[in-house]
Amino acid sequence: MEFTLTFIRLFFLAIYLLAPLLIFLGIVIIIMGQIVCHIEKWNKFDGLYWSCITATTVGYGDIRPLKKVSKILSVLIALTGIMLTGIVIAVTLKSTSIAFEKHVTKSQIEAIKNKFN
């Protein structure tokens, strides 16, 4: 339980510290999505939906841009989404690593390593 609480504290502290960057990247994704929405003549909800699906690299394909400018923006949205996802994954892994080091002894780590060797 202590491990989990330490992880949660570290994770949310890091997210809090990175919030301006995460919010900025999220706003960039939404704005670019709305630009594509305007260019492609989609409704605003479809533009928001499409930009979120593209940013997470899910890409269902149910809505897709047809104009060249929109396609270029879709690549930028995907790259921005990859950066956003990468930051969150890095924070998660680092929080887990620090919590693990704090709550697991070196002998326990060696025992775990020996099980895999």
PDB file of N, CA and C in Angstrom:
ATOM      1  N   MET A   1       0.820  -1.190   0.000  1.00  0.00           N
ATOM      2  CA  MET A   1       0.000   0.000   0.000  1.00  0.00           C
ATOM      3  C   MET A   1       0.870   1.262   0.000  1.00  0.00           C
ATOM      4  N   GLU A   2       1.967   1.226   0.748  1.00  0.00           N
ATOM      5  CA  GLU A   2       2.871   2.382   0.789  1.00  0.00           C
ATOM      6  C   GLU A   2       3.460   2.665  -0.592  1.00  0.00           C
ATOM      7  N   PHE A   3       3.792   1.592  -1.306  1.00  0.00           N
ATOM      8  CA  PHE A   3       4.325   1.742  -2.662  1.00  0.00           C
ATOM      9  C   PHE A   3       3.328   2.501  -3.530  1.00  0.00           C
ATOM     10  N   THR A   4       2.075   2.092  -3.470  1.00  0.00           N
ATOM     11  CA  THR A   4       1.032   2.710  -4.289  1.00  0.00           C
ATOM     12  C   THR A   4       0.846   4.178  -3.928  1.00  0.00           C
ATOM     13  N   LEU A   5       0.829   4.482  -2.643  1.00  0.00           N
ATOM     14  CA  LEU A   5       0.661   5.871  -2.215  1.00  0.00           C
ATOM     15  C   LEU A   5       1.846   6.734  -2.655  1.00  0.00           C
ATOM     16  N   THR A   6       3.047   6.187  -2.551  1.00  0.00           N
ATOM     17  CA  THR A   6       4.229   6.920  -3.007  1.00  0.00           C
ATOM     18  C   THR A   6       4.147   7.170  -4.504  1.00  0.00           C
ATOM     19  N   PHE A   7       3.778   6.140  -5.257  1.00  0.00           N
ATOM     20  CA  PHE A   7       3.634   6.292  -6.706  1.00  0.00           C
ATOM     21  C   PHE A   7       2.618   7.378  -7.038  1.00  0.00           C
ATOM     22  N   ILE A   8       1.463   7.336  -6.401  1.00  0.00           N
ATOM     23  CA  ILE A   8       0.402   8.313  -6.688  1.00  0.00           C
ATOM     24  C   ILE A   8       0.876   9.729  -6.377  1.00  0.00           C
ATOM     25  N   ARG A   9       1.538   9.900  -5.236  1.00  0.00           N
ATOM     26  CA  ARG A   9       2.051  11.236  -4.876  1.00  0.00           C
ATOM     27  C   ARG A   9       3.055  11.738  -5.913  1.00  0.00           C
ATOM     28  N   LEU A  10       4.007  10.895  -6.285  1.00  0.00           N
ATOM     29  CA  LEU A  10       5.025  11.291  -7.259  1.00  0.00           C
ATOM     30  C   LEU A  10       4.413  11.580  -8.623  1.00  0.00           C
ATOM     31  N   PHE A  11       3.502  10.714  -9.047  1.00  0.00           N
ATOM     32  CA  PHE A  11       2.877  10.873 -10.357  1.00  0.00           C
ATOM     33  C   PHE A  11       2.121  12.194 -10.446  1.00  0.00           C
ATOM     34  N   PHE A  12       1.280  12.475  -9.457  1.00  0.00           N
ATOM     35  CA  PHE A  12       0.483  13.695  -9.518  1.00  0.00           C
ATOM     36  C   PHE A  12       1.328  14.949  -9.301  1.00  0.00           C
ATOM     37  N   LEU A  13       2.405  14.845  -8.545  1.00  0.00           N
ATOM     38  CA  LEU A  13       3.319  15.976  -8.413  1.00  0.00           C
ATOM     39  C   LEU A  13       3.962  16.291  -9.765  1.00  0.00           C
ATOM     40  N   ALA A  14       4.424  15.260 -10.449  1.00  0.00           N
ATOM     41  CA  ALA A  14       5.044  15.467 -11.763  1.00  0.00           C
ATOM     42  C   ALA A  14       4.036  16.022 -12.766  1.00  0.00           C
ATOM     43  N   ILE A  15       2.821  15.487 -12.763  1.00  0.00           N
ATOM     44  CA  ILE A  15       1.782  15.994 -13.672  1.00  0.00           C
ATOM     45  C   ILE A  15       1.476  17.454 -13.345  1.00  0.00           C
ATOM     46  N   TYR A  16       1.429  17.782 -12.060  1.00  0.00           N
ATOM     47  CA  TYR A  16       1.190  19.171 -11.642  1.00  0.00           C
ATOM     48  C   TYR A  16       2.294  20.087 -12.169  1.00  0.00           C
ATOM     49  N   LEU A  17       3.545  19.646 -12.042  1.00  0.00           N
ATOM     50  CA  LEU A  17       4.668  20.457 -12.507  1.00  0.00           C
ATOM     51  C   LEU A  17       4.691  20.580 -14.028  1.00  0.00           C
ATOM     52  N   LEU A  18       4.242  19.547 -14.709  1.00  0.00           N
ATOM     53  CA  LEU A  18       4.227  19.558 -16.174  1.00  0.00           C
ATOM     54  C   LEU A  18       2.912  20.074 -16.754  1.00  0.00           C
ATOM     55  N   ALA A  19       1.966  20.417 -15.909  1.00  0.00           N
ATOM     56  CA  ALA A  19       0.634  20.828 -16.368  1.00  0.00           C
ATOM     57  C   ALA A  19       0.672  21.925 -17.432  1.00  0.00           C
ATOM     58  N   PRO A  20       1.486  22.976 -17.277  1.00  0.00           N
ATOM     59  CA  PRO A  20       1.490  23.999 -18.334  1.00  0.00           C
ATOM     60  C   PRO A  20       1.859  23.430 -19.704  1.00  0.00           C
ATOM     61  N   LEU A  21       2.842  22.551 -19.744  1.00  0.00           N
ATOM     62  CA  LEU A  21       3.242  21.939 -21.013  1.00  0.00           C
ATOM     63  C   LEU A  21       2.151  21.022 -21.548  1.00  0.00           C
ATOM     64  N   LEU A  22       1.579  20.196 -20.686  1.00  0.00           N
ATOM     65  CA  LEU A  22       0.525  19.276 -21.113  1.00  0.00           C
ATOM     66  C   LEU A  22      -0.696  20.040 -21.615  1.00  0.00           C
ATOM     67  N   ILE A  23      -1.056  21.103 -20.921  1.00  0.00           N
ATOM     68  CA  ILE A  23      -2.197  21.923 -21.344  1.00  0.00           C
ATOM     69  C   ILE A  23      -1.895  22.590 -22.683  1.00  0.00           C
ATOM     70  N   PHE A  24      -0.681  23.119 -22.822  1.00  0.00           N
ATOM     71  CA  PHE A  24      -0.295  23.748 -24.085  1.00  0.00           C
ATOM     72  C   PHE A  24      -0.402  22.762 -25.248  1.00  0.00           C
ATOM     73  N   LEU A  25       0.157  21.565 -25.079  1.00  0.00           N
ATOM     74  CA  LEU A  25       0.095  20.567 -26.152  1.00  0.00           C
ATOM     75  C   LEU A  25      -1.348  20.174 -26.453  1.00  0.00           C
ATOM     76  N   GLY A  26      -2.168  20.036 -25.414  1.00  0.00           N
ATOM     77  CA  GLY A  26      -3.584  19.724 -25.618  1.00  0.00           C
ATOM     78  C   GLY A  26      -4.301  20.813 -26.391  1.00  0.00           C
ATOM     79  N   ILE A  27      -4.008  22.071 -26.065  1.00  0.00           N
ATOM     80  CA  ILE A  27      -4.630  23.192 -26.775  1.00  0.00           C
ATOM     81  C   ILE A  27      -4.172  23.230 -28.228  1.00  0.00           C
ATOM     82  N   VAL A  28      -2.891  22.966 -28.469  1.00  0.00           N
ATOM     83  CA  VAL A  28      -2.378  22.923 -29.842  1.00  0.00           C
ATOM     84  C   VAL A  28      -3.130  21.869 -30.647  1.00  0.00           C
ATOM     85  N   ILE A  29      -3.333  20.698 -30.064  1.00  0.00           N
ATOM     86  CA  ILE A  29      -4.061  19.621 -30.746  1.00  0.00           C
ATOM     87  C   ILE A  29      -5.484  20.061 -31.065  1.00  0.00           C
ATOM     88  N   ILE A  30      -6.158  20.666 -30.107  1.00  0.00           N
ATOM     89  CA  ILE A  30      -7.546  21.096 -30.314  1.00  0.00           C
ATOM     90  C   ILE A  30      -7.622  22.190 -31.377  1.00  0.00           C
ATOM     91  N   ILE A  31      -6.718  23.175 -31.314  1.00  0.00           N
ATOM     92  CA  ILE A  31      -6.745  24.271 -32.295  1.00  0.00           C
ATOM     93  C   ILE A  31      -6.469  23.750 -33.698  1.00  0.00           C
ATOM     94  N   MET A  32      -5.441  22.913 -33.843  1.00  0.00           N
ATOM     95  CA  MET A  32      -5.161  22.363 -35.174  1.00  0.00           C
ATOM     96  C   MET A  32      -6.331  21.526 -35.670  1.00  0.00           C
ATOM     97  N   GLY A  33      -6.973  20.795 -34.773  1.00  0.00           N
ATOM     98  CA  GLY A  33      -8.151  20.013 -35.151  1.00  0.00           C
ATOM     99  C   GLY A  33      -9.285  20.891 -35.629  1.00  0.00           C
ATOM    100  N   GLN A  34      -9.467  22.039 -34.984  1.00  0.00           N
ATOM    101  CA  GLN A  34     -10.531  22.950 -35.401  1.00  0.00           C
ATOM    102  C   GLN A  34     -10.190  23.640 -36.721  1.00  0.00           C
ATOM    103  N   ILE A  35      -8.902  23.871 -36.977  1.00  0.00           N
ATOM    104  CA  ILE A  35      -8.493  24.418 -38.277  1.00  0.00           C
ATOM    105  C   ILE A  35      -8.820  23.417 -39.378  1.00  0.00           C
ATOM    106  N   VAL A  36      -8.468  22.154 -39.156  1.00  0.00           N
ATOM    107  CA  VAL A  36      -8.798  21.104 -40.127  1.00  0.00           C
ATOM    108  C   VAL A  36     -10.310  21.000 -40.286  1.00  0.00           C
ATOM    109  N   CYS A  37     -11.022  21.089 -39.191  1.00  0.00           N
ATOM    110  CA  CYS A  37     -12.484  21.047 -39.201  1.00  0.00           C
ATOM    111  C   CYS A  37     -13.037  22.139 -40.119  1.00  0.00           C
ATOM    112  N   HIS A  38     -12.485  23.334 -40.025  1.00  0.00           N
ATOM    113  CA  HIS A  38     -12.935  24.457 -40.857  1.00  0.00           C
ATOM    114  C   HIS A  38     -12.586  24.220 -42.327  1.00  0.00           C
ATOM    115  N   ILE A  39     -11.355  23.764 -42.586  1.00  0.00           N
ATOM    116  CA  ILE A  39     -10.911  23.518 -43.963  1.00  0.00           C
ATOM    117  C   ILE A  39     -11.753  22.429 -44.616  1.00  0.00           C
ATOM    118  N   GLU A  40     -12.031  21.370 -43.878  1.00  0.00           N
ATOM    119  CA  GLU A  40     -12.758  20.215 -44.420  1.00  0.00           C
ATOM    120  C   GLU A  40     -14.280  20.365 -44.343  1.00  0.00           C
ATOM    121  N   LYS A  41     -14.747  21.442 -43.728  1.00  0.00           N
ATOM    122  CA  LYS A  41     -16.193  21.704 -43.587  1.00  0.00           C
ATOM    123  C   LYS A  41     -16.897  20.644 -42.736  1.00  0.00           C
ATOM    124  N   TRP A  42     -16.231  20.220 -41.647  1.00  0.00           N
ATOM    125  CA  TRP A  42     -16.835  19.293 -40.694  1.00  0.00           C
ATOM    126  C   TRP A  42     -17.518  20.105 -39.607  1.00  0.00           C
ATOM    127  N   ASN A  43     -18.375  19.454 -38.819  1.00  0.00           N
ATOM    128  CA  ASN A  43     -18.904  20.170 -37.653  1.00  0.00           C
ATOM    129  C   ASN A  43     -17.831  20.155 -36.557  1.00  0.00           C
ATOM    130  N   LYS A  44     -17.974  21.044 -35.585  1.00  0.00           N
ATOM    131  CA  LYS A  44     -16.928  21.230 -34.565  1.00  0.00           C
ATOM    132  C   LYS A  44     -16.687  19.977 -33.721  1.00  0.00           C
ATOM    133  N   PHE A  45     -17.750  19.250 -33.416  1.00  0.00           N
ATOM    134  CA  PHE A  45     -17.574  18.036 -32.622  1.00  0.00           C
ATOM    135  C   PHE A  45     -16.767  17.002 -33.399  1.00  0.00           C
ATOM    136  N   ASP A  46     -17.057  16.840 -34.693  1.00  0.00           N
ATOM    137  CA  ASP A  46     -16.291  15.895 -35.507  1.00  0.00           C
ATOM    138  C   ASP A  46     -14.818  16.301 -35.571  1.00  0.00           C
ATOM    139  N   GLY A  47     -14.558  17.602 -35.634  1.00  0.00           N
ATOM    140  CA  GLY A  47     -13.177  18.080 -35.645  1.00  0.00           C
ATOM    141  C   GLY A  47     -12.454  17.765 -34.347  1.00  0.00           C
ATOM    142  N   LEU A  48     -13.146  17.955 -33.227  1.00  0.00           N
ATOM    143  CA  LEU A  48     -12.560  17.640 -31.920  1.00  0.00           C
ATOM    144  C   LEU A  48     -12.327  16.133 -31.792  1.00  0.00           C
ATOM    145  N   TYR A  49     -13.337  15.358 -32.170  1.00  0.00           N
ATOM    146  CA  TYR A  49     -13.233  13.895 -32.131  1.00  0.00           C
ATOM    147  C   TYR A  49     -12.054  13.434 -32.989  1.00  0.00           C
ATOM    148  N   TRP A  50     -11.986  13.931 -34.217  1.00  0.00           N
ATOM    149  CA  TRP A  50     -10.934  13.522 -35.136  1.00  0.00           C
ATOM    150  C   TRP A  50      -9.554  13.892 -34.602  1.00  0.00           C
ATOM    151  N   SER A  51      -9.407  15.104 -34.052  1.00  0.00           N
ATOM    152  CA  SER A  51      -8.089  15.516 -33.560  1.00  0.00           C
ATOM    153  C   SER A  51      -7.649  14.665 -32.368  1.00  0.00           C
ATOM    154  N   CYS A  52      -8.581  14.298 -31.504  1.00  0.00           N
ATOM    155  CA  CYS A  52      -8.228  13.433 -30.362  1.00  0.00           C
ATOM    156  C   CYS A  52      -7.851  12.028 -30.827  1.00  0.00           C
ATOM    157  N   ILE A  53      -8.607  11.491 -31.770  1.00  0.00           N
ATOM    158  CA  ILE A  53      -8.304  10.156 -32.306  1.00  0.00           C
ATOM    159  C   ILE A  53      -6.953  10.170 -33.021  1.00  0.00           C
ATOM    160  N   THR A  54      -6.676  11.238 -33.755  1.00  0.00           N
ATOM    161  CA  THR A  54      -5.400  11.353 -34.465  1.00  0.00           C
ATOM    162  C   THR A  54      -4.243  11.544 -33.487  1.00  0.00           C
ATOM    163  N   ALA A  55      -4.437  12.383 -32.468  1.00  0.00           N
ATOM    164  CA  ALA A  55      -3.371  12.654 -31.494  1.00  0.00           C
ATOM    165  C   ALA A  55      -2.993  11.408 -30.710  1.00  0.00           C
ATOM    166  N   THR A  56      -3.963  10.548 -30.447  1.00  0.00           N
ATOM    167  CA  THR A  56      -3.659   9.315 -29.716  1.00  0.00           C
ATOM    168  C   THR A  56      -3.180   8.211 -30.648  1.00  0.00           C
ATOM    169  N   THR A  57      -3.064   8.516 -31.915  1.00  0.00           N
ATOM    170  CA  THR A  57      -2.634   7.606 -32.988  1.00  0.00           C
ATOM    171  C   THR A  57      -3.524   6.380 -33.122  1.00  0.00           C
ATOM    172  N   VAL A  58      -4.771   6.482 -32.674  1.00  0.00           N
ATOM    173  CA  VAL A  58      -5.715   5.378 -32.861  1.00  0.00           C
ATOM    174  C   VAL A  58      -6.113   5.315 -34.324  1.00  0.00           C
ATOM    175  N   GLY A  59      -6.564   6.441 -34.866  1.00  0.00           N
ATOM    176  CA  GLY A  59      -6.868   6.540 -36.287  1.00  0.00           C
ATOM    177  C   GLY A  59      -7.905   5.558 -36.789  1.00  0.00           C
ATOM    178  N   TYR A  60      -9.133   5.685 -36.339  1.00  0.00           N
ATOM    179  CA  TYR A  60     -10.194   4.780 -36.780  1.00  0.00           C
ATOM    180  C   TYR A  60     -10.428   4.840 -38.286  1.00  0.00           C
ATOM    181  N   GLY A  61     -10.262   6.001 -38.885  1.00  0.00           N
ATOM    182  CA  GLY A  61     -10.468   6.137 -40.320  1.00  0.00           C
ATOM    183  C   GLY A  61     -11.890   6.482 -40.707  1.00  0.00           C
ATOM    184  N   ASP A  62     -12.768   6.651 -39.727  1.00  0.00           N
ATOM    185  CA  ASP A  62     -14.154   6.993 -40.046  1.00  0.00           C
ATOM    186  C   ASP A  62     -14.280   8.434 -40.530  1.00  0.00           C
ATOM    187  N   ILE A  63     -13.384   9.302 -40.078  1.00  0.00           N
ATOM    188  CA  ILE A  63     -13.311  10.677 -40.561  1.00  0.00           C
ATOM    189  C   ILE A  63     -11.867  10.886 -40.985  1.00  0.00           C
ATOM    190  N   ARG A  64     -11.677  11.395 -42.187  1.00  0.00           N
ATOM    191  CA  ARG A  64     -10.306  11.621 -42.624  1.00  0.00           C
ATOM    192  C   ARG A  64     -10.234  12.855 -43.507  1.00  0.00           C
ATOM    193  N   PRO A  65      -9.126  13.575 -43.419  1.00  0.00           N
ATOM    194  CA  PRO A  65      -8.980  14.780 -44.232  1.00  0.00           C
ATOM    195  C   PRO A  65      -8.693  14.428 -45.689  1.00  0.00           C
ATOM    196  N   LEU A  66      -9.172  15.282 -46.590  1.00  0.00           N
ATOM    197  CA  LEU A  66      -8.968  15.054 -48.015  1.00  0.00           C
ATOM    198  C   LEU A  66      -8.055  16.104 -48.647  1.00  0.00           C
ATOM    199  N   LYS A  67      -7.969  17.266 -48.052  1.00  0.00           N
ATOM    200  CA  LYS A  67      -7.156  18.345 -48.614  1.00  0.00           C
ATOM    201  C   LYS A  67      -5.716  18.240 -48.099  1.00  0.00           C
ATOM    202  N   LYS A  68      -4.760  18.716 -48.932  1.00  0.00           N
ATOM    203  CA  LYS A  68      -3.338  18.590 -48.587  1.00  0.00           C
ATOM    204  C   LYS A  68      -2.982  19.310 -47.290  1.00  0.00           C
ATOM    205  N   VAL A  69      -3.489  20.521 -47.111  1.00  0.00           N
ATOM    206  CA  VAL A  69      -3.184  21.278 -45.890  1.00  0.00           C
ATOM    207  C   VAL A  69      -3.670  20.515 -44.664  1.00  0.00           C
ATOM    208  N   SER A  70      -4.844  19.936 -44.772  1.00  0.00           N
ATOM    209  CA  SER A  70      -5.404  19.164 -43.659  1.00  0.00           C
ATOM    210  C   SER A  70      -4.552  17.938 -43.359  1.00  0.00           C
ATOM    211  N   LYS A  71      -4.046  17.315 -44.394  1.00  0.00           N
ATOM    212  CA  LYS A  71      -3.199  16.139 -44.200  1.00  0.00           C
ATOM    213  C   LYS A  71      -1.887  16.511 -43.504  1.00  0.00           C
ATOM    214  N   ILE A  72      -1.327  17.659 -43.867  1.00  0.00           N
ATOM    215  CA  ILE A  72      -0.106  18.129 -43.200  1.00  0.00           C
ATOM    216  C   ILE A  72      -0.391  18.405 -41.725  1.00  0.00           C
ATOM    217  N   LEU A  73      -1.509  19.074 -41.453  1.00  0.00           N
ATOM    218  CA  LEU A  73      -1.883  19.344 -40.064  1.00  0.00           C
ATOM    219  C   LEU A  73      -2.143  18.051 -39.297  1.00  0.00           C
ATOM    220  N   SER A  74      -2.675  17.040 -39.975  1.00  0.00           N
ATOM    221  CA  SER A  74      -2.932  15.775 -39.280  1.00  0.00           C
ATOM    222  C   SER A  74      -1.629  15.115 -38.846  1.00  0.00           C
ATOM    223  N   VAL A  75      -0.582  15.247 -39.645  1.00  0.00           N
ATOM    224  CA  VAL A  75       0.729  14.722 -39.254  1.00  0.00           C
ATOM    225  C   VAL A  75       1.252  15.487 -38.038  1.00  0.00           C
ATOM    226  N   LEU A  76       1.090  16.805 -38.041  1.00  0.00           N
ATOM    227  CA  LEU A  76       1.531  17.613 -36.896  1.00  0.00           C
ATOM    228  C   LEU A  76       0.740  17.270 -35.638  1.00  0.00           C
ATOM    229  N   ILE A  77      -0.555  17.028 -35.797  1.00  0.00           N
ATOM    230  CA  ILE A  77      -1.379  16.621 -34.652  1.00  0.00           C
ATOM    231  C   ILE A  77      -0.890  15.285 -34.105  1.00  0.00           C
ATOM    232  N   ALA A  78      -0.613  14.339 -34.990  1.00  0.00           N
ATOM    233  CA  ALA A  78      -0.138  13.022 -34.549  1.00  0.00           C
ATOM    234  C   ALA A  78       1.204  13.145 -33.820  1.00  0.00           C
ATOM    235  N   LEU A  79       2.121  13.952 -34.347  1.00  0.00           N
ATOM    236  CA  LEU A  79       3.423  14.133 -33.693  1.00  0.00           C
ATOM    237  C   LEU A  79       3.279  14.813 -32.333  1.00  0.00           C
ATOM    238  N   THR A  80       2.397  15.792 -32.253  1.00  0.00           N
ATOM    239  CA  THR A  80       2.140  16.456 -30.973  1.00  0.00           C
ATOM    240  C   THR A  80       1.539  15.468 -29.979  1.00  0.00           C
ATOM    241  N   GLY A  81       0.631  14.638 -30.450  1.00  0.00           N
ATOM    242  CA  GLY A  81       0.025  13.619 -29.592  1.00  0.00           C
ATOM    243  C   GLY A  81       1.041  12.606 -29.095  1.00  0.00           C
ATOM    244  N   ILE A  82       1.980  12.249 -29.959  1.00  0.00           N
ATOM    245  CA  ILE A  82       3.036  11.317 -29.553  1.00  0.00           C
ATOM    246  C   ILE A  82       3.899  11.948 -28.459  1.00  0.00           C
ATOM    247  N   MET A  83       4.206  13.244 -28.603  1.00  0.00           N
ATOM    248  CA  MET A  83       4.973  13.937 -27.550  1.00  0.00           C
ATOM    249  C   MET A  83       4.197  13.950 -26.239  1.00  0.00           C
ATOM    250  N   LEU A  84       2.921  14.262 -26.309  1.00  0.00           N
ATOM    251  CA  LEU A  84       2.077  14.317 -25.116  1.00  0.00           C
ATOM    252  C   LEU A  84       2.016  12.949 -24.438  1.00  0.00           C
ATOM    253  N   THR A  85       1.795  11.919 -25.225  1.00  0.00           N
ATOM    254  CA  THR A  85       1.740  10.560 -24.690  1.00  0.00           C
ATOM    255  C   THR A  85       3.090  10.151 -24.105  1.00  0.00           C
ATOM    256  N   GLY A  86       4.163  10.489 -24.793  1.00  0.00           N
ATOM    257  CA  GLY A  86       5.502  10.154 -24.314  1.00  0.00           C
ATOM    258  C   GLY A  86       5.824  10.788 -22.972  1.00  0.00           C
ATOM    259  N   ILE A  87       5.388  12.030 -22.787  1.00  0.00           N
ATOM    260  CA  ILE A  87       5.623  12.717 -21.510  1.00  0.00           C
ATOM    261  C   ILE A  87       4.900  11.993 -20.382  1.00  0.00           C
ATOM    262  N   VAL A  88       3.641  11.643 -20.613  1.00  0.00           N
ATOM    263  CA  VAL A  88       2.857  10.956 -19.577  1.00  0.00           C
ATOM    264  C   VAL A  88       3.456   9.580 -19.270  1.00  0.00           C
ATOM    265  N   ILE A  89       3.891   8.864 -20.294  1.00  0.00           N
ATOM    266  CA  ILE A  89       4.509   7.551 -20.077  1.00  0.00           C
ATOM    267  C   ILE A  89       5.817   7.701 -19.301  1.00  0.00           C
ATOM    268  N   ALA A  90       6.626   8.697 -19.656  1.00  0.00           N
ATOM    269  CA  ALA A  90       7.892   8.920 -18.947  1.00  0.00           C
ATOM    270  C   ALA A  90       7.651   9.239 -17.474  1.00  0.00           C
ATOM    271  N   VAL A  91       6.653  10.067 -17.197  1.00  0.00           N
ATOM    272  CA  VAL A  91       6.316  10.408 -15.807  1.00  0.00           C
ATOM    273  C   VAL A  91       5.868   9.159 -15.057  1.00  0.00           C
ATOM    274  N   THR A  92       5.053   8.346 -15.697  1.00  0.00           N
ATOM    275  CA  THR A  92       4.565   7.119 -15.064  1.00  0.00           C
ATOM    276  C   THR A  92       5.721   6.177 -14.736  1.00  0.00           C
ATOM    277  N   LEU A  93       6.610   5.973 -15.692  1.00  0.00           N
ATOM    278  CA  LEU A  93       7.740   5.069 -15.470  1.00  0.00           C
ATOM    279  C   LEU A  93       8.692   5.591 -14.398  1.00  0.00           C
ATOM    280  N   LYS A  94       8.968   6.883 -14.419  1.00  0.00           N
ATOM    281  CA  LYS A  94       9.875   7.449 -13.416  1.00  0.00           C
ATOM    282  C   LYS A  94       9.248   7.388 -12.028  1.00  0.00           C
ATOM    283  N   SER A  95       7.961   7.670 -11.923  1.00  0.00           N
ATOM    284  CA  SER A  95       7.273   7.585 -10.628  1.00  0.00           C
ATOM    285  C   SER A  95       7.302   6.160 -10.102  1.00  0.00           C
ATOM    286  N   THR A  96       7.084   5.202 -10.985  1.00  0.00           N
ATOM    287  CA  THR A  96       7.131   3.797 -10.591  1.00  0.00           C
ATOM    288  C   THR A  96       8.533   3.417 -10.132  1.00  0.00           C
ATOM    289  N   SER A  97       9.527   3.844 -10.872  1.00  0.00           N
ATOM    290  CA  SER A  97      10.916   3.524 -10.540  1.00  0.00           C
ATOM    291  C   SER A  97      11.323   4.090  -9.178  1.00  0.00           C
ATOM    292  N   ILE A  98      10.978   5.343  -8.934  1.00  0.00           N
ATOM    293  CA  ILE A  98      11.330   5.969  -7.650  1.00  0.00           C
ATOM    294  C   ILE A  98      10.599   5.286  -6.496  1.00  0.00           C
ATOM    295  N   ALA A  99       9.315   5.015  -6.675  1.00  0.00           N
ATOM    296  CA  ALA A  99       8.544   4.335  -5.623  1.00  0.00           C
ATOM    297  C   ALA A  99       9.109   2.944  -5.372  1.00  0.00           C
ATOM    298  N   PHE A 100       9.497   2.251  -6.429  1.00  0.00           N
ATOM    299  CA  PHE A 100      10.072   0.913  -6.305  1.00  0.00           C
ATOM    300  C   PHE A 100      11.376   0.966  -5.517  1.00  0.00           C
ATOM    301  N   GLU A 101      12.254   1.911  -5.869  1.00  0.00           N
ATOM    302  CA  GLU A 101      13.540   2.040  -5.172  1.00  0.00           C
ATOM    303  C   GLU A 101      13.355   2.399  -3.701  1.00  0.00           C
ATOM    304  N   LYS A 102      12.321   3.173  -3.411  1.00  0.00           N
ATOM    305  CA  LYS A 102      12.087   3.601  -2.034  1.00  0.00           C
ATOM    306  C   LYS A 102      11.538   2.477  -1.158  1.00  0.00           C
ATOM    307  N   HIS A 103      10.751   1.577  -1.735  1.00  0.00           N
ATOM    308  CA  HIS A 103      10.039   0.586  -0.924  1.00  0.00           C
ATOM    309  C   HIS A 103      10.527  -0.853  -1.089  1.00  0.00           C
ATOM    310  N   VAL A 104      11.485  -1.062  -1.955  1.00  0.00           N
ATOM    311  CA  VAL A 104      11.992  -2.421  -2.156  1.00  0.00           C
ATOM    312  C   VAL A 104      13.485  -2.418  -1.829  1.00  0.00           C
ATOM    313  N   THR A 105      13.917  -3.374  -1.013  1.00  0.00           N
ATOM    314  CA  THR A 105      15.325  -3.441  -0.611  1.00  0.00           C
ATOM    315  C   THR A 105      16.169  -4.042  -1.728  1.00  0.00           C
ATOM    316  N   LYS A 106      17.478  -3.818  -1.629  1.00  0.00           N
ATOM    317  CA  LYS A 106      18.384  -4.352  -2.645  1.00  0.00           C
ATOM    318  C   LYS A 106      18.358  -5.873  -2.676  1.00  0.00           C
ATOM    319  N   SER A 107      18.201  -6.500  -1.525  1.00  0.00           N
ATOM    320  CA  SER A 107      18.151  -7.966  -1.500  1.00  0.00           C
ATOM    321  C   SER A 107      16.887  -8.470  -2.205  1.00  0.00           C
ATOM    322  N   GLN A 108      15.792  -7.750  -2.059  1.00  0.00           N
ATOM    323  CA  GLN A 108      14.563  -8.136  -2.769  1.00  0.00           C
ATOM    324  C   GLN A 108      14.740  -7.974  -4.278  1.00  0.00           C
ATOM    325  N   ILE A 109      15.421  -6.904  -4.684  1.00  0.00           N
ATOM    326  CA  ILE A 109      15.677  -6.684  -6.109  1.00  0.00           C
ATOM    327  C   ILE A 109      16.554  -7.799  -6.660  1.00  0.00           C
ATOM    328  N   GLU A 110      17.597  -8.178  -5.920  1.00  0.00           N
ATOM    329  CA  GLU A 110      18.478  -9.264  -6.356  1.00  0.00           C
ATOM    330  C   GLU A 110      17.716 -10.582  -6.453  1.00  0.00           C
ATOM    331  N   ALA A 111      16.828 -10.835  -5.511  1.00  0.00           N
ATOM    332  CA  ALA A 111      16.026 -12.059  -5.550  1.00  0.00           C
ATOM    333  C   ALA A 111      15.142 -12.085  -6.793  1.00  0.00           C
ATOM    334  N   ILE A 112      14.570 -10.947  -7.134  1.00  0.00           N
ATOM    335  CA  ILE A 112      13.729 -10.864  -8.335  1.00  0.00           C
ATOM    336  C   ILE A 112      14.582 -11.075  -9.580  1.00  0.00           C
ATOM    337  N   LYS A 113      15.761 -10.448  -9.630  1.00  0.00           N
ATOM    338  CA  LYS A 113      16.657 -10.620 -10.775  1.00  0.00           C
ATOM    339  C   LYS A 113      17.062 -12.081 -10.936  1.00  0.00           C
ATOM    340  N   ASN A 114      17.355 -12.755  -9.828  1.00  0.00           N
ATOM    341  CA  ASN A 114      17.776 -14.154  -9.882  1.00  0.00           C
ATOM    342  C   ASN A 114      16.674 -15.065 -10.404  1.00  0.00           C
ATOM    343  N   LYS A 115      15.430 -14.717 -10.165  1.00  0.00           N
ATOM    344  CA  LYS A 115      14.322 -15.524 -10.683  1.00  0.00           C
ATOM    345  C   LYS A 115      14.285 -15.507 -12.204  1.00  0.00           C
ATOM    346  N   PHE A 116      14.740 -14.408 -12.809  1.00  0.00           N
ATOM    347  CA  PHE A 116      14.700 -14.278 -14.264  1.00  0.00           C
ATOM    348  C   PHE A 116      15.979 -14.751 -14.938  1.00  0.00           C
ATOM    349  N   ASN A 117      17.010 -15.024 -14.172  1.00  0.00           N
ATOM    350  CA  ASN A 117      18.283 -15.489 -14.758  1.00  0.00           C
ATOM    351  C   ASN A 117      18.377 -16.972 -14.789  1.00  0.00           C
TER     352      ASN A 117
END
